[in-house]
Amino acid sequence: MTEVVVAGAAIIRNYRIFVAKRCRPQSVSGFWELPGDEVHQDEDEGQALQREFTHEFGVSLRCVDRILSDRALQSWRSEDEDGADGATLRVWRCQLPSEATFDTDLGEPKPNMYSYDETCWVDIDDLDSVSPWRDADRMMADEIADYYRSDDIWQMAD
Protein backbone atom coordinates (compact mmCIF):
# COMPACT_ATOMS: atom_id res chain seq x y z
CA MET A 1 0.00 0.00 0.00
CA THR A 2 1.41 3.39 -0.94
CA GLU A 3 1.64 6.25 1.49
CA VAL A 4 -1.32 8.63 1.36
CA VAL A 5 -0.16 12.26 1.42
CA VAL A 6 -2.51 15.17 2.03
CA ALA A 7 -1.29 18.65 1.11
CA GLY A 8 -2.59 21.53 3.23
CA ALA A 9 -2.37 25.26 2.46
CA ALA A 10 -1.14 27.85 4.96
CA ILE A 11 -2.48 31.18 3.68
CA ILE A 12 -2.20 34.27 5.87
CA ARG A 13 -3.34 37.82 5.17
CA ASN A 14 -3.22 40.59 7.77
CA TYR A 15 -2.51 38.21 10.67
CA ARG A 16 -5.47 35.99 9.71
CA ILE A 17 -5.21 32.41 8.46
CA PHE A 18 -7.61 30.94 5.89
CA VAL A 19 -9.41 27.83 7.15
CA ALA A 20 -12.29 25.75 5.83
CA LYS A 21 -14.90 23.44 7.34
CA ARG A 22 -15.26 20.05 5.64
CA CYS A 23 -18.61 18.69 4.53
CA ARG A 24 -17.23 15.43 3.09
CA PRO A 25 -16.11 12.75 3.48
CA GLN A 26 -18.43 11.96 6.38
CA SER A 27 -15.55 10.84 8.63
CA VAL A 28 -14.28 14.45 8.86
CA SER A 29 -17.46 16.41 8.14
CA GLY A 30 -17.95 19.42 10.41
CA PHE A 31 -14.27 19.84 11.29
CA TRP A 32 -12.20 22.94 10.53
CA GLU A 33 -8.86 22.44 8.82
CA LEU A 34 -6.24 23.93 6.58
CA PRO A 35 -7.80 23.56 3.13
CA GLY A 36 -6.18 20.98 0.89
CA ASP A 37 -6.54 17.56 -0.59
CA GLU A 38 -5.03 14.15 -1.12
CA VAL A 39 -2.15 14.08 -3.59
CA HIS A 40 -3.05 11.88 -6.57
CA GLN A 41 -0.56 9.48 -8.12
CA ASP A 42 0.05 11.67 -11.19
CA GLU A 43 0.69 14.97 -9.37
CA ASP A 44 2.94 16.59 -6.79
CA GLU A 45 1.77 18.38 -3.65
CA GLY A 46 1.73 21.82 -5.28
CA GLN A 47 -0.38 20.52 -8.16
CA ALA A 48 -2.81 18.91 -5.69
CA LEU A 49 -3.27 22.24 -3.89
CA GLN A 50 -3.70 24.14 -7.15
CA ARG A 51 -6.29 21.58 -8.32
CA GLU A 52 -8.20 21.78 -5.04
CA PHE A 53 -8.28 25.58 -4.96
CA THR A 54 -9.30 25.90 -8.60
CA HIS A 55 -12.04 23.29 -8.18
CA GLU A 56 -13.25 24.10 -4.67
CA PHE A 57 -12.76 27.87 -4.43
CA GLY A 58 -12.55 28.97 -8.08
CA VAL A 59 -9.23 30.71 -7.52
CA SER A 60 -5.62 30.03 -8.45
CA LEU A 61 -3.04 29.43 -5.76
CA ARG A 62 0.73 29.83 -5.65
CA CYS A 63 2.71 27.42 -3.50
CA VAL A 64 5.75 29.20 -2.08
CA ASP A 65 7.48 26.49 -0.04
CA ARG A 66 6.86 23.55 2.26
CA ILE A 67 6.90 24.44 5.93
CA LEU A 68 6.83 22.53 9.23
CA SER A 69 7.19 18.80 9.78
CA ASP A 70 4.85 16.11 8.52
CA ARG A 71 1.89 15.33 10.76
CA ALA A 72 -0.11 12.11 10.97
CA LEU A 73 -3.82 12.33 10.16
CA GLN A 74 -6.04 9.74 11.80
CA SER A 75 -9.13 8.33 10.09
CA TRP A 76 -8.34 9.69 6.65
CA ARG A 77 -10.61 8.02 4.13
CA SER A 78 -8.69 7.74 0.89
CA GLU A 79 -10.70 8.13 -2.32
CA ASP A 80 -9.21 4.84 -3.55
CA GLU A 81 -9.92 2.79 -0.43
CA ASP A 82 -13.02 1.63 1.42
CA GLY A 83 -11.51 1.70 4.91
CA ALA A 84 -10.50 4.64 7.04
CA ASP A 85 -6.73 4.75 7.37
CA GLY A 86 -4.16 7.30 8.33
CA ALA A 87 -2.39 9.73 6.05
CA THR A 88 0.47 12.22 6.23
CA LEU A 89 -0.32 15.95 6.25
CA ARG A 90 2.24 18.23 4.59
CA VAL A 91 1.75 21.98 4.83
CA TRP A 92 2.75 24.49 2.16
CA ARG A 93 3.00 28.24 2.59
CA CYS A 94 0.73 29.53 -0.18
CA GLN A 95 -0.50 32.79 -1.61
CA LEU A 96 -3.72 33.73 -3.31
CA PRO A 97 -3.34 36.04 -6.32
CA SER A 98 -2.20 39.48 -5.17
CA GLU A 99 -4.51 41.14 -7.69
CA ALA A 100 -7.54 39.30 -6.27
CA THR A 101 -9.61 41.17 -3.75
CA PHE A 102 -11.40 39.10 -1.15
CA ASP A 103 -13.65 40.23 1.66
CA THR A 104 -11.90 38.37 4.46
CA ASP A 105 -14.66 39.36 6.91
CA LEU A 106 -17.06 37.32 4.74
CA GLY A 107 -14.61 34.39 4.52
CA GLU A 108 -13.89 34.83 0.80
CA PRO A 109 -13.04 32.95 -1.30
CA LYS A 110 -16.14 30.84 -0.62
CA PRO A 111 -16.27 27.09 -1.33
CA ASN A 112 -18.40 25.50 -4.03
CA MET A 113 -19.75 23.08 -1.39
CA TYR A 114 -18.11 19.96 -2.78
CA SER A 115 -15.52 19.28 -0.03
CA TYR A 116 -16.10 22.31 2.19
CA ASP A 117 -19.24 24.15 3.26
CA GLU A 118 -17.77 27.14 5.09
CA THR A 119 -14.61 29.24 5.13
CA CYS A 120 -13.20 31.79 7.52
CA TRP A 121 -10.13 34.00 8.03
CA VAL A 122 -9.20 33.38 11.68
CA ASP A 123 -6.99 35.76 13.66
CA ILE A 124 -3.75 33.89 14.40
CA ASP A 125 -4.07 34.98 18.04
CA ASP A 126 -7.61 33.54 18.32
CA LEU A 127 -7.49 30.19 16.53
CA ASP A 128 -10.18 28.71 18.77
CA SER A 129 -12.77 31.18 17.48
CA VAL A 130 -13.79 28.29 15.18
CA SER A 131 -14.28 24.71 16.32
CA PRO A 132 -14.10 21.82 16.27
CA TRP A 133 -10.73 21.52 14.53
CA ARG A 134 -9.17 18.35 13.24
CA ASP A 135 -6.46 17.69 15.83
CA ALA A 136 -3.45 17.72 13.49
CA ASP A 137 -4.67 20.87 11.72
CA ARG A 138 -5.20 22.72 15.02
CA MET A 139 -1.68 21.89 16.20
CA MET A 140 -0.23 22.92 12.85
CA ALA A 141 -2.23 26.18 12.88
CA ASP A 142 -0.44 27.08 16.14
CA GLU A 143 2.92 26.28 14.58
CA ILE A 144 2.05 28.25 11.43
CA ALA A 145 1.06 31.26 13.56
CA ASP A 146 4.38 31.08 15.46
CA TYR A 147 6.28 30.72 12.18
CA TYR A 148 4.44 33.71 10.71
CA ARG A 149 5.04 35.93 13.76
CA SER A 150 8.80 35.25 13.56
CA ASP A 151 9.13 35.65 9.77
CA ASP A 152 9.30 39.31 8.70
CA ILE A 153 9.55 38.38 5.03
CA TRP A 154 6.30 36.37 5.17
CA GLN A 155 4.57 39.25 6.97
CA MET A 156 5.66 41.69 4.25
CA ALA A 157 4.58 39.29 1.48
CA ASP A 158 1.03 38.81 2.71
C-alpha atoms as a PDB file:
ATOM      1  CA  MET A   1       0.000   0.000   0.000  1.00  0.00           C
ATOM      2  CA  THR A   2       1.410   3.392  -0.944  1.00  0.00           C
ATOM      3  CA  GLU A   3       1.643   6.253   1.486  1.00  0.00           C
ATOM      4  CA  VAL A   4      -1.317   8.631   1.363  1.00  0.00           C
ATOM      5  CA  VAL A   5      -0.161  12.259   1.423  1.00  0.00           C
ATOM      6  CA  VAL A   6      -2.507  15.168   2.030  1.00  0.00           C
ATOM      7  CA  ALA A   7      -1.289  18.651   1.108  1.00  0.00           C
ATOM      8  CA  GLY A   8      -2.590  21.533   3.229  1.00  0.00           C
ATOM      9  CA  ALA A   9      -2.365  25.258   2.463  1.00  0.00           C
ATOM     10  CA  ALA A  10      -1.140  27.849   4.964  1.00  0.00           C
ATOM     11  CA  ILE A  11      -2.476  31.183   3.682  1.00  0.00           C
ATOM     12  CA  ILE A  12      -2.197  34.268   5.873  1.00  0.00           C
ATOM     13  CA  ARG A  13      -3.343  37.822   5.169  1.00  0.00           C
ATOM     14  CA  ASN A  14      -3.217  40.592   7.766  1.00  0.00           C
ATOM     15  CA  TYR A  15      -2.515  38.206  10.672  1.00  0.00           C
ATOM     16  CA  ARG A  16      -5.467  35.992   9.707  1.00  0.00           C
ATOM     17  CA  ILE A  17      -5.209  32.406   8.459  1.00  0.00           C
ATOM     18  CA  PHE A  18      -7.606  30.942   5.887  1.00  0.00           C
ATOM     19  CA  VAL A  19      -9.406  27.827   7.153  1.00  0.00           C
ATOM     20  CA  ALA A  20     -12.287  25.746   5.828  1.00  0.00           C
ATOM     21  CA  LYS A  21     -14.900  23.435   7.337  1.00  0.00           C
ATOM     22  CA  ARG A  22     -15.263  20.047   5.643  1.00  0.00           C
ATOM     23  CA  CYS A  23     -18.615  18.694   4.528  1.00  0.00           C
ATOM     24  CA  ARG A  24     -17.226  15.426   3.092  1.00  0.00           C
ATOM     25  CA  PRO A  25     -16.110  12.751   3.476  1.00  0.00           C
ATOM     26  CA  GLN A  26     -18.433  11.957   6.379  1.00  0.00           C
ATOM     27  CA  SER A  27     -15.550  10.836   8.632  1.00  0.00           C
ATOM     28  CA  VAL A  28     -14.279  14.446   8.859  1.00  0.00           C
ATOM     29  CA  SER A  29     -17.460  16.410   8.138  1.00  0.00           C
ATOM     30  CA  GLY A  30     -17.945  19.422  10.407  1.00  0.00           C
ATOM     31  CA  PHE A  31     -14.268  19.840  11.295  1.00  0.00           C
ATOM     32  CA  TRP A  32     -12.197  22.942  10.525  1.00  0.00           C
ATOM     33  CA  GLU A  33      -8.863  22.445   8.819  1.00  0.00           C
ATOM     34  CA  LEU A  34      -6.236  23.929   6.582  1.00  0.00           C
ATOM     35  CA  PRO A  35      -7.796  23.559   3.131  1.00  0.00           C
ATOM     36  CA  GLY A  36      -6.184  20.979   0.893  1.00  0.00           C
ATOM     37  CA  ASP A  37      -6.540  17.556  -0.585  1.00  0.00           C
ATOM     38  CA  GLU A  38      -5.030  14.148  -1.116  1.00  0.00           C
ATOM     39  CA  VAL A  39      -2.150  14.075  -3.587  1.00  0.00           C
ATOM     40  CA  HIS A  40      -3.052  11.882  -6.567  1.00  0.00           C
ATOM     41  CA  GLN A  41      -0.561   9.479  -8.122  1.00  0.00           C
ATOM     42  CA  ASP A  42       0.053  11.673 -11.193  1.00  0.00           C
ATOM     43  CA  GLU A  43       0.686  14.971  -9.369  1.00  0.00           C
ATOM     44  CA  ASP A  44       2.941  16.589  -6.787  1.00  0.00           C
ATOM     45  CA  GLU A  45       1.771  18.378  -3.646  1.00  0.00           C
ATOM     46  CA  GLY A  46       1.729  21.819  -5.281  1.00  0.00           C
ATOM     47  CA  GLN A  47      -0.375  20.520  -8.160  1.00  0.00           C
ATOM     48  CA  ALA A  48      -2.808  18.912  -5.690  1.00  0.00           C
ATOM     49  CA  LEU A  49      -3.273  22.238  -3.895  1.00  0.00           C
ATOM     50  CA  GLN A  50      -3.704  24.138  -7.154  1.00  0.00           C
ATOM     51  CA  ARG A  51      -6.286  21.580  -8.320  1.00  0.00           C
ATOM     52  CA  GLU A  52      -8.200  21.781  -5.043  1.00  0.00           C
ATOM     53  CA  PHE A  53      -8.279  25.577  -4.957  1.00  0.00           C
ATOM     54  CA  THR A  54      -9.300  25.905  -8.601  1.00  0.00           C
ATOM     55  CA  HIS A  55     -12.036  23.286  -8.176  1.00  0.00           C
ATOM     56  CA  GLU A  56     -13.248  24.105  -4.672  1.00  0.00           C
ATOM     57  CA  PHE A  57     -12.758  27.872  -4.431  1.00  0.00           C
ATOM     58  CA  GLY A  58     -12.550  28.973  -8.077  1.00  0.00           C
ATOM     59  CA  VAL A  59      -9.226  30.713  -7.523  1.00  0.00           C
ATOM     60  CA  SER A  60      -5.623  30.028  -8.449  1.00  0.00           C
ATOM     61  CA  LEU A  61      -3.040  29.425  -5.760  1.00  0.00           C
ATOM     62  CA  ARG A  62       0.728  29.827  -5.652  1.00  0.00           C
ATOM     63  CA  CYS A  63       2.710  27.420  -3.504  1.00  0.00           C
ATOM     64  CA  VAL A  64       5.748  29.200  -2.076  1.00  0.00           C
ATOM     65  CA  ASP A  65       7.476  26.490  -0.039  1.00  0.00           C
ATOM     66  CA  ARG A  66       6.855  23.552   2.258  1.00  0.00           C
ATOM     67  CA  ILE A  67       6.901  24.444   5.935  1.00  0.00           C
ATOM     68  CA  LEU A  68       6.829  22.525   9.230  1.00  0.00           C
ATOM     69  CA  SER A  69       7.195  18.800   9.783  1.00  0.00           C
ATOM     70  CA  ASP A  70       4.854  16.110   8.519  1.00  0.00           C
ATOM     71  CA  ARG A  71       1.894  15.325  10.758  1.00  0.00           C
ATOM     72  CA  ALA A  72      -0.115  12.112  10.971  1.00  0.00           C
ATOM     73  CA  LEU A  73      -3.824  12.325  10.160  1.00  0.00           C
ATOM     74  CA  GLN A  74      -6.036   9.737  11.804  1.00  0.00           C
ATOM     75  CA  SER A  75      -9.129   8.331  10.088  1.00  0.00           C
ATOM     76  CA  TRP A  76      -8.336   9.694   6.654  1.00  0.00           C
ATOM     77  CA  ARG A  77     -10.611   8.016   4.132  1.00  0.00           C
ATOM     78  CA  SER A  78      -8.693   7.744   0.890  1.00  0.00           C
ATOM     79  CA  GLU A  79     -10.696   8.130  -2.319  1.00  0.00           C
ATOM     80  CA  ASP A  80      -9.206   4.839  -3.548  1.00  0.00           C
ATOM     81  CA  GLU A  81      -9.920   2.785  -0.434  1.00  0.00           C
ATOM     82  CA  ASP A  82     -13.017   1.635   1.424  1.00  0.00           C
ATOM     83  CA  GLY A  83     -11.506   1.698   4.908  1.00  0.00           C
ATOM     84  CA  ALA A  84     -10.495   4.637   7.043  1.00  0.00           C
ATOM     85  CA  ASP A  85      -6.728   4.745   7.375  1.00  0.00           C
ATOM     86  CA  GLY A  86      -4.157   7.302   8.327  1.00  0.00           C
ATOM     87  CA  ALA A  87      -2.387   9.730   6.045  1.00  0.00           C
ATOM     88  CA  THR A  88       0.472  12.215   6.229  1.00  0.00           C
ATOM     89  CA  LEU A  89      -0.321  15.951   6.246  1.00  0.00           C
ATOM     90  CA  ARG A  90       2.242  18.229   4.587  1.00  0.00           C
ATOM     91  CA  VAL A  91       1.754  21.976   4.827  1.00  0.00           C
ATOM     92  CA  TRP A  92       2.749  24.486   2.164  1.00  0.00           C
ATOM     93  CA  ARG A  93       3.003  28.235   2.587  1.00  0.00           C
ATOM     94  CA  CYS A  94       0.732  29.525  -0.181  1.00  0.00           C
ATOM     95  CA  GLN A  95      -0.498  32.793  -1.610  1.00  0.00           C
ATOM     96  CA  LEU A  96      -3.715  33.735  -3.305  1.00  0.00           C
ATOM     97  CA  PRO A  97      -3.344  36.038  -6.319  1.00  0.00           C
ATOM     98  CA  SER A  98      -2.204  39.484  -5.172  1.00  0.00           C
ATOM     99  CA  GLU A  99      -4.513  41.138  -7.690  1.00  0.00           C
ATOM    100  CA  ALA A 100      -7.545  39.301  -6.272  1.00  0.00           C
ATOM    101  CA  THR A 101      -9.613  41.166  -3.749  1.00  0.00           C
ATOM    102  CA  PHE A 102     -11.397  39.101  -1.155  1.00  0.00           C
ATOM    103  CA  ASP A 103     -13.646  40.234   1.661  1.00  0.00           C
ATOM    104  CA  THR A 104     -11.900  38.373   4.463  1.00  0.00           C
ATOM    105  CA  ASP A 105     -14.661  39.361   6.908  1.00  0.00           C
ATOM    106  CA  LEU A 106     -17.061  37.315   4.741  1.00  0.00           C
ATOM    107  CA  GLY A 107     -14.613  34.393   4.521  1.00  0.00           C
ATOM    108  CA  GLU A 108     -13.889  34.831   0.802  1.00  0.00           C
ATOM    109  CA  PRO A 109     -13.045  32.947  -1.301  1.00  0.00           C
ATOM    110  CA  LYS A 110     -16.137  30.839  -0.622  1.00  0.00           C
ATOM    111  CA  PRO A 111     -16.267  27.092  -1.331  1.00  0.00           C
ATOM    112  CA  ASN A 112     -18.401  25.495  -4.029  1.00  0.00           C
ATOM    113  CA  MET A 113     -19.753  23.081  -1.387  1.00  0.00           C
ATOM    114  CA  TYR A 114     -18.106  19.957  -2.781  1.00  0.00           C
ATOM    115  CA  SER A 115     -15.520  19.284  -0.034  1.00  0.00           C
ATOM    116  CA  TYR A 116     -16.104  22.312   2.194  1.00  0.00           C
ATOM    117  CA  ASP A 117     -19.243  24.147   3.260  1.00  0.00           C
ATOM    118  CA  GLU A 118     -17.775  27.136   5.093  1.00  0.00           C
ATOM    119  CA  THR A 119     -14.610  29.240   5.126  1.00  0.00           C
ATOM    120  CA  CYS A 120     -13.196  31.786   7.524  1.00  0.00           C
ATOM    121  CA  TRP A 121     -10.135  33.996   8.031  1.00  0.00           C
ATOM    122  CA  VAL A 122      -9.198  33.384  11.675  1.00  0.00           C
ATOM    123  CA  ASP A 123      -6.991  35.759  13.657  1.00  0.00           C
ATOM    124  CA  ILE A 124      -3.745  33.894  14.398  1.00  0.00           C
ATOM    125  CA  ASP A 125      -4.069  34.981  18.039  1.00  0.00           C
ATOM    126  CA  ASP A 126      -7.611  33.541  18.320  1.00  0.00           C
ATOM    127  CA  LEU A 127      -7.491  30.186  16.534  1.00  0.00           C
ATOM    128  CA  ASP A 128     -10.183  28.713  18.774  1.00  0.00           C
ATOM    129  CA  SER A 129     -12.773  31.181  17.479  1.00  0.00           C
ATOM    130  CA  VAL A 130     -13.785  28.293  15.181  1.00  0.00           C
ATOM    131  CA  SER A 131     -14.275  24.714  16.318  1.00  0.00           C
ATOM    132  CA  PRO A 132     -14.096  21.818  16.270  1.00  0.00           C
ATOM    133  CA  TRP A 133     -10.729  21.520  14.531  1.00  0.00           C
ATOM    134  CA  ARG A 134      -9.165  18.347  13.236  1.00  0.00           C
ATOM    135  CA  ASP A 135      -6.455  17.690  15.830  1.00  0.00           C
ATOM    136  CA  ALA A 136      -3.451  17.718  13.487  1.00  0.00           C
ATOM    137  CA  ASP A 137      -4.670  20.866  11.722  1.00  0.00           C
ATOM    138  CA  ARG A 138      -5.196  22.723  15.019  1.00  0.00           C
ATOM    139  CA  MET A 139      -1.680  21.893  16.197  1.00  0.00           C
ATOM    140  CA  MET A 140      -0.226  22.923  12.849  1.00  0.00           C
ATOM    141  CA  ALA A 141      -2.229  26.179  12.878  1.00  0.00           C
ATOM    142  CA  ASP A 142      -0.444  27.084  16.144  1.00  0.00           C
ATOM    143  CA  GLU A 143       2.924  26.277  14.584  1.00  0.00           C
ATOM    144  CA  ILE A 144       2.052  28.250  11.430  1.00  0.00           C
ATOM    145  CA  ALA A 145       1.057  31.262  13.565  1.00  0.00           C
ATOM    146  CA  ASP A 146       4.378  31.076  15.455  1.00  0.00           C
ATOM    147  CA  TYR A 147       6.279  30.723  12.181  1.00  0.00           C
ATOM    148  CA  TYR A 148       4.443  33.715  10.707  1.00  0.00           C
ATOM    149  CA  ARG A 149       5.037  35.925  13.760  1.00  0.00           C
ATOM    150  CA  SER A 150       8.796  35.246  13.556  1.00  0.00           C
ATOM    151  CA  ASP A 151       9.130  35.649   9.770  1.00  0.00           C
ATOM    152  CA  ASP A 152       9.300  39.312   8.700  1.00  0.00           C
ATOM    153  CA  ILE A 153       9.546  38.376   5.032  1.00  0.00           C
ATOM    154  CA  TRP A 154       6.300  36.366   5.168  1.00  0.00           C
ATOM    155  CA  GLN A 155       4.565  39.247   6.968  1.00  0.00           C
ATOM    156  CA  MET A 156       5.657  41.693   4.253  1.00  0.00           C
ATOM    157  CA  ALA A 157       4.581  39.289   1.476  1.00  0.00           C
ATOM    158  CA  ASP A 158       1.032  38.808   2.705  1.00  0.00           C
END
